[in-house]
Every structure is written in C-alpha cells, then in structure tokens.
C-alpha cells in the first residue's frame, strides 16, 4: 500500500509503497486530505517530547473518502497520537477513525477532505463563546484555515466579526462574513476573542489590547482563558457537517496537490496565506 511516511527523525518524509493494508471492519479508501500545521510539526519531529514516535509514522490528519464495505462517504481526522505518534491519513486506505461523520452533502469529497481539523477547531472555538447575537468578536489569524471557518461560524451566530488583516485580504474576509477588516496591529474593541496566533497569555494580551473588561478569550494554542482541542469531542465532526450544510459554509482552497506531491504540499504550508492546502489522492 502507498503511504506518505516519516521513517526516522534524521530522514525526510516521503512516499512508500510497501506498507501493509489496514485491517478491521471499516476501512476507508482515501479520496482527499489537506495539510495542517500539526503535519509539519510531526514531520519535523517536534512532538517527540510529548509522545513516542512509532516508525514508520504515516503523516496527515484530515481525510475524506469512501467506506469500502458500505460505500458511505465520510470525512474526519486521525488523532496525532493514540497513544503514540504513528497512524495517519496520508495512505491509500486507512482504518476509520472515531472522529468522523458522514460527508456534508453540500461538499465535494475534495472540499470535505480539507474541512475536518480546521473546521472542528473553529466550531469548538465559536461554541465556547456561547454567542447570543450582537457581540463584537475579534478573530486573530482569520485568513488561515481555522480562521476562515471561525469567521463564517461567528457571523452566522449573529456576531460582528472583526478580522485584522492586510489590505489585500479585505475582499476575501468580507466574503466570508467579516464586518470589519482593520489593519494588522490595530487595537479594535471587542467583547470576545478567538486567538489563532498567540502562544502565551502575554502574547495574547499584546495582540489584542482593545478587549473590553470581561471579554471571553478562546485559543487553539493554549494561550487563553478557554482552550480548545479537536480531539476533545468525538461528536464535533457531526456538528460540523450539520453546520456546513445548514449554513452553506465554504471551504476555501488555496492550492491543490496530488498525493505524489505531498512533499511539495508540506513545503507550501509556510508560504500560503489564505484558506487550506488540499491534497487529492
């Protein structure tokens, strides 16, 4: 079986064709995936202090594909460590992860393959704010994959979304639902914050000096009052699928790569600025 693996800390990841087929009752034939920052972190050995690596490590988290026995189209993600860093989604066939749901009807398999990890992180972030409508929600890092979903979800919850960005990102963010796109480094007032760029409470405070007293803060990087992780809720993929279909959420695809171009796709992660990098098997 073909897979994209990391075989040792001192070697570059690449395609292998000699891995055994997965076993089990529910096997998914991969159609599409995407590249996330955690993929680059795992490929660079950055998780070795937090979990053991079980080589060969199959890289990739997101997946969309077809369950072989039933023909059901599904999407979801593979946790990065369970219990060791080893299983991943960048393979021709994978065992169905517990973090899955039927593919949203409104998305193609290619779009669905780029949605799970970013979309679930955004969904949990917006849910944590418990928005009632009318709040001013500041989203830092709005142009990225998680940010694109967070802008759409917060706007559809009735919030005024503030998304600091460069001038050439204004049209992109307004199309997603942002009401205000101030310059990066500005200090807009806000009732709540979704921070996708700060790695510490000190950075968060410096990056969002205009927060009002009592503002709720949510982080995907462990820097806020409320911190979210996609692996915390196996039911989240189903809620994301419903939100995508009910609200017509977009999956912005910045670039698309073939499976055999996964090395190039990983390298492109640090240079792209909007949406998601898609991988098609």
Foldseek 3Di string as FASTA:
>chain_A
DWFWWDADLPDQIAIDDPDDADDDDWKWFFFKAFDDPVQLCVRNVVCVVPFAADPRAGGAFWTWGAGVVPRFTKIFTDDCPPPHRHDGDGDRMDGDDLQMDGAQPVDDRQLRNQQHQLLLQLVVQLVVQVDQAAWEEEEELLFEANNLNNQLVCQVNHYAYEYEDDPVCVVVSVVSPHNHHHHQPDADEGQEYEYEDDQALVVVCNRHVRYDPPRAYEYCRPHGPHYDGSVPDSCSNVVSSVCCNVRVRGQDEPEEEESNCVVVSSVCVVPDRGGIYMYGD
